């Protein structure tokens, strides 16, 4: 009734490889010069936005609210912005036209 460490290590390696593959596939769907954010108060939706948005004061306000709510530990594994989806879409549409 002993614990089989080699088989547990093998399973851990398989899980890690699978996680790496999934992560790589998600990252490869993001074009160069863009990054992914998760937006929403309860249900989070993923958006891919240009890096240039980081320089805009309105977007920086959203990032500050994310820092206040989550610190640097984001539950989705990526940057999570705690605002209404409609607010985020409104802001980003204005930034696109900016």
PDB file of N, CA and C in Angstrom:
ATOM      1  N   UNK A   1       0.815  -1.175   0.000  1.00  0.00           N
ATOM      2  CA  UNK A   1       0.000   0.000   0.000  1.00  0.00           C
ATOM      3  C   UNK A   1       0.866   1.248   0.000  1.00  0.00           C
ATOM      4  N   UNK A   2       1.888   1.244  -0.790  1.00  0.00           N
ATOM      5  CA  UNK A   2       2.772   2.393  -0.869  1.00  0.00           C
ATOM      6  C   UNK A   2       2.350   3.350  -1.976  1.00  0.00           C
ATOM      7  N   UNK A   3       2.913   4.510  -1.918  1.00  0.00           N
ATOM      8  CA  UNK A   3       2.645   5.524  -2.938  1.00  0.00           C
ATOM      9  C   UNK A   3       3.666   5.354  -4.053  1.00  0.00           C
ATOM     10  N   UNK A   4       3.207   5.364  -5.263  1.00  0.00           N
ATOM     11  CA  UNK A   4       4.082   5.184  -6.413  1.00  0.00           C
ATOM     12  C   UNK A   4       4.482   6.547  -6.964  1.00  0.00           C
ATOM     13  N   UNK A   5       5.592   7.073  -6.481  1.00  0.00           N
ATOM     14  CA  UNK A   5       6.036   8.402  -6.871  1.00  0.00           C
ATOM     15  C   UNK A   5       6.397   8.519  -8.346  1.00  0.00           C
ATOM     16  N   UNK A   6       7.051   7.512  -8.946  1.00  0.00           N
ATOM     17  CA  UNK A   6       7.371   7.663 -10.363  1.00  0.00           C
ATOM     18  C   UNK A   6       6.123   7.847 -11.236  1.00  0.00           C
ATOM     19  N   UNK A   7       5.041   7.122 -10.958  1.00  0.00           N
ATOM     20  CA  UNK A   7       3.838   7.271 -11.774  1.00  0.00           C
ATOM     21  C   UNK A   7       3.173   8.624 -11.521  1.00  0.00           C
ATOM     22  N   UNK A   8       3.240   9.099 -10.282  1.00  0.00           N
ATOM     23  CA  UNK A   8       2.681  10.420  -9.986  1.00  0.00           C
ATOM     24  C   UNK A   8       3.475  11.501 -10.703  1.00  0.00           C
ATOM     25  N   UNK A   9       4.794  11.355 -10.744  1.00  0.00           N
ATOM     26  CA  UNK A   9       5.641  12.331 -11.437  1.00  0.00           C
ATOM     27  C   UNK A   9       5.350  12.315 -12.931  1.00  0.00           C
ATOM     28  N   UNK A  10       5.126  11.131 -13.498  1.00  0.00           N
ATOM     29  CA  UNK A  10       4.810  11.007 -14.917  1.00  0.00           C
ATOM     30  C   UNK A  10       3.484  11.692 -15.227  1.00  0.00           C
ATOM     31  N   UNK A  11       2.477  11.489 -14.385  1.00  0.00           N
ATOM     32  CA  UNK A  11       1.187  12.139 -14.592  1.00  0.00           C
ATOM     33  C   UNK A  11       1.314  13.647 -14.461  1.00  0.00           C
ATOM     34  N   UNK A  12       2.106  14.118 -13.517  1.00  0.00           N
ATOM     35  CA  UNK A  12       2.308  15.557 -13.351  1.00  0.00           C
ATOM     36  C   UNK A  12       2.966  16.142 -14.598  1.00  0.00           C
ATOM     37  N   UNK A  13       3.934  15.412 -15.176  1.00  0.00           N
ATOM     38  CA  UNK A  13       4.579  15.886 -16.404  1.00  0.00           C
ATOM     39  C   UNK A  13       3.579  15.954 -17.552  1.00  0.00           C
ATOM     40  N   UNK A  14       2.697  14.959 -17.655  1.00  0.00           N
ATOM     41  CA  UNK A  14       1.688  14.954 -18.710  1.00  0.00           C
ATOM     42  C   UNK A  14       0.733  16.128 -18.550  1.00  0.00           C
ATOM     43  N   UNK A  15       0.317  16.402 -17.328  1.00  0.00           N
ATOM     44  CA  UNK A  15      -0.586  17.528 -17.068  1.00  0.00           C
ATOM     45  C   UNK A  15       0.112  18.838 -17.417  1.00  0.00           C
ATOM     46  N   UNK A  16       1.388  18.956 -17.037  1.00  0.00           N
ATOM     47  CA  UNK A  16       2.135  20.173 -17.331  1.00  0.00           C
ATOM     48  C   UNK A  16       2.276  20.379 -18.834  1.00  0.00           C
ATOM     49  N   UNK A  17       2.568  19.308 -19.579  1.00  0.00           N
ATOM     50  CA  UNK A  17       2.687  19.415 -21.036  1.00  0.00           C
ATOM     51  C   UNK A  17       1.362  19.833 -21.663  1.00  0.00           C
ATOM     52  N   UNK A  18       0.263  19.268 -21.186  1.00  0.00           N
ATOM     53  CA  UNK A  18      -1.053  19.614 -21.704  1.00  0.00           C
ATOM     54  C   UNK A  18      -1.365  21.082 -21.417  1.00  0.00           C
ATOM     55  N   UNK A  19      -1.069  21.534 -20.201  1.00  0.00           N
ATOM     56  CA  UNK A  19      -1.294  22.935 -19.832  1.00  0.00           C
ATOM     57  C   UNK A  19      -0.448  23.858 -20.709  1.00  0.00           C
ATOM     58  N   UNK A  20       0.803  23.493 -20.960  1.00  0.00           N
ATOM     59  CA  UNK A  20       1.675  24.303 -21.800  1.00  0.00           C
ATOM     60  C   UNK A  20       1.143  24.397 -23.221  1.00  0.00           C
ATOM     61  N   UNK A  21       0.629  23.291 -23.743  1.00  0.00           N
ATOM     62  CA  UNK A  21       0.076  23.271 -25.090  1.00  0.00           C
ATOM     63  C   UNK A  21      -1.143  24.178 -25.185  1.00  0.00           C
ATOM     64  N   UNK A  22      -2.029  24.104 -24.218  1.00  0.00           N
ATOM     65  CA  UNK A  22      -3.225  24.951 -24.200  1.00  0.00           C
ATOM     66  C   UNK A  22      -2.821  26.416 -24.093  1.00  0.00           C
ATOM     67  N   UNK A  23      -1.886  26.725 -23.217  1.00  0.00           N
ATOM     68  CA  UNK A  23      -1.428  28.097 -23.034  1.00  0.00           C
ATOM     69  C   UNK A  23      -0.813  28.629 -24.320  1.00  0.00           C
ATOM     70  N   UNK A  24       0.015  27.829 -24.983  1.00  0.00           N
ATOM     71  CA  UNK A  24       0.634  28.249 -26.232  1.00  0.00           C
ATOM     72  C   UNK A  24      -0.415  28.525 -27.302  1.00  0.00           C
ATOM     73  N   UNK A  25      -1.442  27.678 -27.382  1.00  0.00           N
ATOM     74  CA  UNK A  25      -2.494  27.879 -28.370  1.00  0.00           C
ATOM     75  C   UNK A  25      -3.262  29.159 -28.094  1.00  0.00           C
ATOM     76  N   UNK A  26      -3.519  29.473 -26.836  1.00  0.00           N
ATOM     77  CA  UNK A  26      -4.210  30.711 -26.494  1.00  0.00           C
ATOM     78  C   UNK A  26      -3.344  31.913 -26.821  1.00  0.00           C
ATOM     79  N   UNK A  27      -2.062  31.833 -26.535  1.00  0.00           N
ATOM     80  CA  UNK A  27      -1.173  32.950 -26.804  1.00  0.00           C
ATOM     81  C   UNK A  27      -0.988  33.164 -28.293  1.00  0.00           C
ATOM     82  N   UNK A  28      -0.973  32.090 -29.070  1.00  0.00           N
ATOM     83  CA  UNK A  28      -0.754  32.235 -30.499  1.00  0.00           C
ATOM     84  C   UNK A  28      -1.946  32.880 -31.188  1.00  0.00           C
ATOM     85  N   UNK A  29      -3.103  32.923 -30.536  1.00  0.00           N
ATOM     86  CA  UNK A  29      -4.265  33.566 -31.133  1.00  0.00           C
ATOM     87  C   UNK A  29      -4.253  35.069 -30.913  1.00  0.00           C
ATOM     88  N   UNK A  30      -3.229  35.580 -30.255  1.00  0.00           N
ATOM     89  CA  UNK A  30      -3.109  37.015 -30.012  1.00  0.00           C
ATOM     90  C   UNK A  30      -2.098  37.578 -31.004  1.00  0.00           C
ATOM     91  N   UNK A  31      -2.548  38.511 -31.863  1.00  0.00           N
ATOM     92  CA  UNK A  31      -1.619  39.089 -32.841  1.00  0.00           C
ATOM     93  C   UNK A  31      -0.509  39.893 -32.172  1.00  0.00           C
ATOM     94  N   UNK A  32       0.595  40.015 -32.854  1.00  0.00           N
ATOM     95  CA  UNK A  32       1.711  40.800 -32.349  1.00  0.00           C
ATOM     96  C   UNK A  32       1.234  42.237 -32.128  1.00  0.00           C
ATOM     97  N   UNK A  33       1.652  42.826 -31.006  1.00  0.00           N
ATOM     98  CA  UNK A  33       1.267  44.192 -30.690  1.00  0.00           C
ATOM     99  C   UNK A  33      -0.072  44.291 -29.971  1.00  0.00           C
ATOM    100  N   UNK A  34      -0.608  43.163 -29.534  1.00  0.00           N
ATOM    101  CA  UNK A  34      -1.887  43.115 -28.826  1.00  0.00           C
ATOM    102  C   UNK A  34      -1.726  42.309 -27.537  1.00  0.00           C
ATOM    103  N   UNK A  35      -2.719  42.404 -26.655  1.00  0.00           N
ATOM    104  CA  UNK A  35      -2.730  41.574 -25.451  1.00  0.00           C
ATOM    105  C   UNK A  35      -4.170  41.261 -25.091  1.00  0.00           C
ATOM    106  N   UNK A  36      -4.341  40.219 -24.294  1.00  0.00           N
ATOM    107  CA  UNK A  36      -5.686  39.782 -23.905  1.00  0.00           C
ATOM    108  C   UNK A  36      -6.038  40.314 -22.529  1.00  0.00           C
ATOM    109  N   UNK A  37      -7.301  40.700 -22.375  1.00  0.00           N
ATOM    110  CA  UNK A  37      -7.829  41.097 -21.075  1.00  0.00           C
ATOM    111  C   UNK A  37      -9.157  40.381 -20.877  1.00  0.00           C
ATOM    112  N   UNK A  38      -9.515  40.160 -19.627  1.00  0.00           N
ATOM    113  CA  UNK A  38     -10.802  39.575 -19.279  1.00  0.00           C
ATOM    114  C   UNK A  38     -11.625  40.664 -18.633  1.00  0.00           C
ATOM    115  N   UNK A  39     -12.831  40.877 -19.159  1.00  0.00           N
ATOM    116  CA  UNK A  39     -13.657  42.001 -18.732  1.00  0.00           C
ATOM    117  C   UNK A  39     -15.000  41.500 -18.225  1.00  0.00           C
ATOM    118  N   UNK A  40     -15.452  42.084 -17.134  1.00  0.00           N
ATOM    119  CA  UNK A  40     -16.767  41.765 -16.611  1.00  0.00           C
ATOM    120  C   UNK A  40     -16.768  41.791 -15.108  1.00  0.00           C
ATOM    121  N   UNK A  41     -17.969  41.921 -14.560  1.00  0.00           N
ATOM    122  CA  UNK A  41     -18.080  41.953 -13.105  1.00  0.00           C
ATOM    123  C   UNK A  41     -18.358  40.560 -12.543  1.00  0.00           C
ATOM    124  N   UNK A  42     -19.178  39.781 -13.210  1.00  0.00           N
ATOM    125  CA  UNK A  42     -19.429  38.413 -12.751  1.00  0.00           C
ATOM    126  C   UNK A  42     -18.908  37.421 -13.791  1.00  0.00           C
ATOM    127  N   UNK A  43     -19.453  37.473 -14.984  1.00  0.00           N
ATOM    128  CA  UNK A  43     -18.988  36.597 -16.060  1.00  0.00           C
ATOM    129  C   UNK A  43     -17.929  37.343 -16.856  1.00  0.00           C
ATOM    130  N   UNK A  44     -16.766  36.759 -17.006  1.00  0.00           N
ATOM    131  CA  UNK A  44     -15.649  37.420 -17.681  1.00  0.00           C
ATOM    132  C   UNK A  44     -15.612  37.031 -19.158  1.00  0.00           C
ATOM    133  N   UNK A  45     -15.399  38.033 -20.017  1.00  0.00           N
ATOM    134  CA  UNK A  45     -15.264  37.794 -21.449  1.00  0.00           C
ATOM    135  C   UNK A  45     -13.878  38.246 -21.877  1.00  0.00           C
ATOM    136  N   UNK A  46     -13.263  37.482 -22.768  1.00  0.00           N
ATOM    137  CA  UNK A  46     -11.901  37.775 -23.216  1.00  0.00           C
ATOM    138  C   UNK A  46     -11.935  38.727 -24.410  1.00  0.00           C
ATOM    139  N   UNK A  47     -11.106  39.779 -24.336  1.00  0.00           N
ATOM    140  CA  UNK A  47     -10.934  40.725 -25.426  1.00  0.00           C
ATOM    141  C   UNK A  47      -9.457  40.821 -25.758  1.00  0.00           C
ATOM    142  N   UNK A  48      -9.148  41.016 -27.024  1.00  0.00           N
ATOM    143  CA  UNK A  48      -7.773  41.237 -27.459  1.00  0.00           C
ATOM    144  C   UNK A  48      -7.693  42.689 -27.926  1.00  0.00           C
ATOM    145  N   UNK A  49      -6.803  43.454 -27.300  1.00  0.00           N
ATOM    146  CA  UNK A  49      -6.708  44.890 -27.579  1.00  0.00           C
ATOM    147  C   UNK A  49      -5.266  45.264 -27.923  1.00  0.00           C
ATOM    148  N   UNK A  50      -5.093  46.364 -28.657  1.00  0.00           N
ATOM    149  CA  UNK A  50      -3.736  46.817 -29.002  1.00  0.00           C
ATOM    150  C   UNK A  50      -2.958  47.300 -27.783  1.00  0.00           C
ATOM    151  N   UNK A  51      -1.671  47.084 -27.794  1.00  0.00           N
ATOM    152  CA  UNK A  51      -0.800  47.526 -26.710  1.00  0.00           C
ATOM    153  C   UNK A  51      -0.830  49.053 -26.587  1.00  0.00           C
ATOM    154  N   UNK A  52      -1.098  49.751 -27.675  1.00  0.00           N
ATOM    155  CA  UNK A  52      -1.122  51.220 -27.651  1.00  0.00           C
ATOM    156  C   UNK A  52      -2.157  51.767 -26.674  1.00  0.00           C
ATOM    157  N   UNK A  53      -3.182  50.981 -26.331  1.00  0.00           N
ATOM    158  CA  UNK A  53      -4.191  51.427 -25.366  1.00  0.00           C
ATOM    159  C   UNK A  53      -3.580  51.679 -23.992  1.00  0.00           C
ATOM    160  N   UNK A  54      -2.466  51.033 -23.705  1.00  0.00           N
ATOM    161  CA  UNK A  54      -1.833  51.185 -22.395  1.00  0.00           C
ATOM    162  C   UNK A  54      -1.383  52.615 -22.133  1.00  0.00           C
ATOM    163  N   UNK A  55      -1.165  53.390 -23.181  1.00  0.00           N
ATOM    164  CA  UNK A  55      -0.713  54.776 -23.022  1.00  0.00           C
ATOM    165  C   UNK A  55      -1.857  55.747 -22.784  1.00  0.00           C
ATOM    166  N   UNK A  56      -3.086  55.343 -23.005  1.00  0.00           N
ATOM    167  CA  UNK A  56      -4.219  56.251 -22.901  1.00  0.00           C
ATOM    168  C   UNK A  56      -4.684  56.373 -21.444  1.00  0.00           C
ATOM    169  N   UNK A  57      -4.887  57.614 -20.958  1.00  0.00           N
ATOM    170  CA  UNK A  57      -5.289  57.827 -19.555  1.00  0.00           C
ATOM    171  C   UNK A  57      -6.571  57.096 -19.156  1.00  0.00           C
ATOM    172  N   UNK A  58      -7.549  57.018 -20.042  1.00  0.00           N
ATOM    173  CA  UNK A  58      -8.808  56.329 -19.701  1.00  0.00           C
ATOM    174  C   UNK A  58      -8.575  54.841 -19.475  1.00  0.00           C
ATOM    175  N   UNK A  59      -7.722  54.246 -20.295  1.00  0.00           N
ATOM    176  CA  UNK A  59      -7.420  52.825 -20.123  1.00  0.00           C
ATOM    177  C   UNK A  59      -6.600  52.613 -18.857  1.00  0.00           C
ATOM    178  N   UNK A  60      -5.728  53.550 -18.556  1.00  0.00           N
ATOM    179  CA  UNK A  60      -4.926  53.458 -17.334  1.00  0.00           C
ATOM    180  C   UNK A  60      -5.809  53.512 -16.092  1.00  0.00           C
ATOM    181  N   UNK A  61      -6.931  54.248 -16.162  1.00  0.00           N
ATOM    182  CA  UNK A  61      -7.874  54.266 -15.043  1.00  0.00           C
ATOM    183  C   UNK A  61      -8.476  52.878 -14.824  1.00  0.00           C
ATOM    184  N   UNK A  62      -8.805  52.200 -15.926  1.00  0.00           N
ATOM    185  CA  UNK A  62      -9.315  50.829 -15.797  1.00  0.00           C
ATOM    186  C   UNK A  62      -8.281  49.913 -15.158  1.00  0.00           C
ATOM    187  N   UNK A  63      -7.028  50.090 -15.553  1.00  0.00           N
ATOM    188  CA  UNK A  63      -5.958  49.265 -14.982  1.00  0.00           C
ATOM    189  C   UNK A  63      -5.793  49.548 -13.491  1.00  0.00           C
ATOM    190  N   UNK A  64      -5.962  50.799 -13.105  1.00  0.00           N
ATOM    191  CA  UNK A  64      -5.872  51.147 -11.675  1.00  0.00           C
ATOM    192  C   UNK A  64      -6.990  50.486 -10.881  1.00  0.00           C
ATOM    193  N   UNK A  65      -8.194  50.458 -11.457  1.00  0.00           N
ATOM    194  CA  UNK A  65      -9.297  49.796 -10.747  1.00  0.00           C
ATOM    195  C   UNK A  65      -9.059  48.295 -10.657  1.00  0.00           C
ATOM    196  N   UNK A  66      -8.433  47.726 -11.680  1.00  0.00           N
ATOM    197  CA  UNK A  66      -8.095  46.296 -11.637  1.00  0.00           C
ATOM    198  C   UNK A  66      -7.065  46.027 -10.546  1.00  0.00           C
ATOM    199  N   UNK A  67      -6.099  46.924 -10.425  1.00  0.00           N
ATOM    200  CA  UNK A  67      -5.076  46.768  -9.385  1.00  0.00           C
ATOM    201  C   UNK A  67      -5.691  46.879  -7.998  1.00  0.00           C
ATOM    202  N   UNK A  68      -6.630  47.811  -7.816  1.00  0.00           N
ATOM    203  CA  UNK A  68      -7.277  47.973  -6.517  1.00  0.00           C
ATOM    204  C   UNK A  68      -8.073  46.731  -6.137  1.00  0.00           C
ATOM    205  N   UNK A  69      -8.766  46.143  -7.119  1.00  0.00           N
ATOM    206  CA  UNK A  69      -9.612  44.996  -6.810  1.00  0.00           C
ATOM    207  C   UNK A  69      -8.837  43.697  -6.691  1.00  0.00           C
ATOM    208  N   UNK A  70      -7.890  43.466  -7.596  1.00  0.00           N
ATOM    209  CA  UNK A  70      -7.204  42.172  -7.647  1.00  0.00           C
ATOM    210  C   UNK A  70      -5.750  42.222  -7.218  1.00  0.00           C
ATOM    211  N   UNK A  71      -5.166  43.400  -7.092  1.00  0.00           N
ATOM    212  CA  UNK A  71      -3.731  43.478  -6.859  1.00  0.00           C
ATOM    213  C   UNK A  71      -3.035  42.961  -8.100  1.00  0.00           C
ATOM    214  N   UNK A  72      -2.061  42.108  -7.931  1.00  0.00           N
ATOM    215  CA  UNK A  72      -1.387  41.539  -9.085  1.00  0.00           C
ATOM    216  C   UNK A  72      -1.688  40.051  -9.213  1.00  0.00           C
ATOM    217  N   UNK A  73      -2.729  39.601  -8.543  1.00  0.00           N
ATOM    218  CA  UNK A  73      -3.161  38.212  -8.628  1.00  0.00           C
ATOM    219  C   UNK A  73      -4.518  38.182  -9.320  1.00  0.00           C
ATOM    220  N   UNK A  74      -4.522  37.868 -10.586  1.00  0.00           N
ATOM    221  CA  UNK A  74      -5.755  37.866 -11.371  1.00  0.00           C
ATOM    222  C   UNK A  74      -6.304  36.455 -11.479  1.00  0.00           C
ATOM    223  N   UNK A  75      -7.566  36.255 -11.110  1.00  0.00           N
ATOM    224  CA  UNK A  75      -8.150  34.918 -11.051  1.00  0.00           C
ATOM    225  C   UNK A  75      -8.231  34.203 -12.394  1.00  0.00           C
ATOM    226  N   UNK A  76      -8.269  34.932 -13.493  1.00  0.00           N
ATOM    227  CA  UNK A  76      -8.402  34.310 -14.808  1.00  0.00           C
ATOM    228  C   UNK A  76      -7.045  33.915 -15.377  1.00  0.00           C
ATOM    229  N   UNK A  77      -5.975  34.283 -14.697  1.00  0.00           N
ATOM    230  CA  UNK A  77      -4.646  33.966 -15.196  1.00  0.00           C
ATOM    231  C   UNK A  77      -4.099  35.042 -16.115  1.00  0.00           C
ATOM    232  N   UNK A  78      -4.922  35.962 -16.518  1.00  0.00           N
ATOM    233  CA  UNK A  78      -4.522  37.093 -17.343  1.00  0.00           C
ATOM    234  C   UNK A  78      -5.044  38.353 -16.696  1.00  0.00           C
ATOM    235  N   UNK A  79      -4.838  39.462 -17.338  1.00  0.00           N
ATOM    236  CA  UNK A  79      -5.298  40.735 -16.808  1.00  0.00           C
ATOM    237  C   UNK A  79      -6.816  40.757 -16.781  1.00  0.00           C
ATOM    238  N   UNK A  80      -7.388  40.987 -15.604  1.00  0.00           N
ATOM    239  CA  UNK A  80      -8.841  41.036 -15.420  1.00  0.00           C
ATOM    240  C   UNK A  80      -9.248  42.452 -15.067  1.00  0.00           C
ATOM    241  N   UNK A  81     -10.209  42.994 -15.824  1.00  0.00           N
ATOM    242  CA  UNK A  81     -10.680  44.351 -15.588  1.00  0.00           C
ATOM    243  C   UNK A  81     -12.109  44.278 -15.063  1.00  0.00           C
ATOM    244  N   UNK A  82     -12.328  44.754 -13.832  1.00  0.00           N
ATOM    245  CA  UNK A  82     -13.640  44.630 -13.198  1.00  0.00           C
ATOM    246  C   UNK A  82     -14.589  45.774 -13.556  1.00  0.00           C
ATOM    247  N   UNK A  83     -15.087  45.776 -14.780  1.00  0.00           N
ATOM    248  CA  UNK A  83     -16.071  46.782 -15.170  1.00  0.00           C
ATOM    249  C   UNK A  83     -17.110  46.106 -16.058  1.00  0.00           C
ATOM    250  N   UNK A  84     -18.192  46.816 -16.314  1.00  0.00           N
ATOM    251  CA  UNK A  84     -19.215  46.260 -17.200  1.00  0.00           C
ATOM    252  C   UNK A  84     -18.638  46.119 -18.603  1.00  0.00           C
ATOM    253  N   UNK A  85     -19.045  45.056 -19.254  1.00  0.00           N
ATOM    254  CA  UNK A  85     -18.581  44.817 -20.620  1.00  0.00           C
ATOM    255  C   UNK A  85     -18.943  45.997 -21.522  1.00  0.00           C
ATOM    256  N   UNK A  86     -20.138  46.548 -21.351  1.00  0.00           N
ATOM    257  CA  UNK A  86     -20.572  47.676 -22.181  1.00  0.00           C
ATOM    258  C   UNK A  86     -19.688  48.904 -21.966  1.00  0.00           C
ATOM    259  N   UNK A  87     -19.241  49.127 -20.732  1.00  0.00           N
ATOM    260  CA  UNK A  87     -18.342  50.242 -20.434  1.00  0.00           C
ATOM    261  C   UNK A  87     -17.015  50.057 -21.147  1.00  0.00           C
ATOM    262  N   UNK A  88     -16.482  48.838 -21.113  1.00  0.00           N
ATOM    263  CA  UNK A  88     -15.210  48.533 -21.762  1.00  0.00           C
ATOM    264  C   UNK A  88     -15.326  48.709 -23.278  1.00  0.00           C
ATOM    265  N   UNK A  89     -16.400  48.218 -23.863  1.00  0.00           N
ATOM    266  CA  UNK A  89     -16.595  48.335 -25.310  1.00  0.00           C
ATOM    267  C   UNK A  89     -16.723  49.806 -25.700  1.00  0.00           C
ATOM    268  N   UNK A  90     -17.445  50.574 -24.897  1.00  0.00           N
ATOM    269  CA  UNK A  90     -17.590  52.002 -25.166  1.00  0.00           C
ATOM    270  C   UNK A  90     -16.228  52.700 -25.143  1.00  0.00           C
ATOM    271  N   UNK A  91     -15.437  52.410 -24.120  1.00  0.00           N
ATOM    272  CA  UNK A  91     -14.106  53.027 -23.998  1.00  0.00           C
ATOM    273  C   UNK A  91     -13.214  52.633 -25.167  1.00  0.00           C
ATOM    274  N   UNK A  92     -13.140  51.359 -25.464  1.00  0.00           N
ATOM    275  CA  UNK A  92     -12.228  50.906 -26.523  1.00  0.00           C
ATOM    276  C   UNK A  92     -12.678  51.395 -27.891  1.00  0.00           C
ATOM    277  N   UNK A  93     -13.967  51.562 -28.108  1.00  0.00           N
ATOM    278  CA  UNK A  93     -14.416  52.089 -29.388  1.00  0.00           C
ATOM    279  C   UNK A  93     -13.993  53.554 -29.529  1.00  0.00           C
ATOM    280  N   UNK A  94     -14.003  54.294 -28.417  1.00  0.00           N
ATOM    281  CA  UNK A  94     -13.514  55.677 -28.458  1.00  0.00           C
ATOM    282  C   UNK A  94     -12.014  55.720 -28.680  1.00  0.00           C
ATOM    283  N   UNK A  95     -11.285  54.769 -28.107  1.00  0.00           N
ATOM    284  CA  UNK A  95      -9.833  54.734 -28.291  1.00  0.00           C
ATOM    285  C   UNK A  95      -9.479  54.361 -29.727  1.00  0.00           C
ATOM    286  N   UNK A  96     -10.277  53.515 -30.343  1.00  0.00           N
ATOM    287  CA  UNK A  96     -10.031  53.119 -31.725  1.00  0.00           C
ATOM    288  C   UNK A  96     -10.162  54.330 -32.650  1.00  0.00           C
ATOM    289  N   UNK A  97     -11.104  55.191 -32.344  1.00  0.00           N
ATOM    290  CA  UNK A  97     -11.325  56.382 -33.156  1.00  0.00           C
ATOM    291  C   UNK A  97     -10.422  57.537 -32.776  1.00  0.00           C
ATOM    292  N   UNK A  98      -9.649  57.373 -31.703  1.00  0.00           N
ATOM    293  CA  UNK A  98      -8.814  58.429 -31.171  1.00  0.00           C
ATOM    294  C   UNK A  98      -7.614  58.694 -32.049  1.00  0.00           C
TER     295      UNK A  98
END
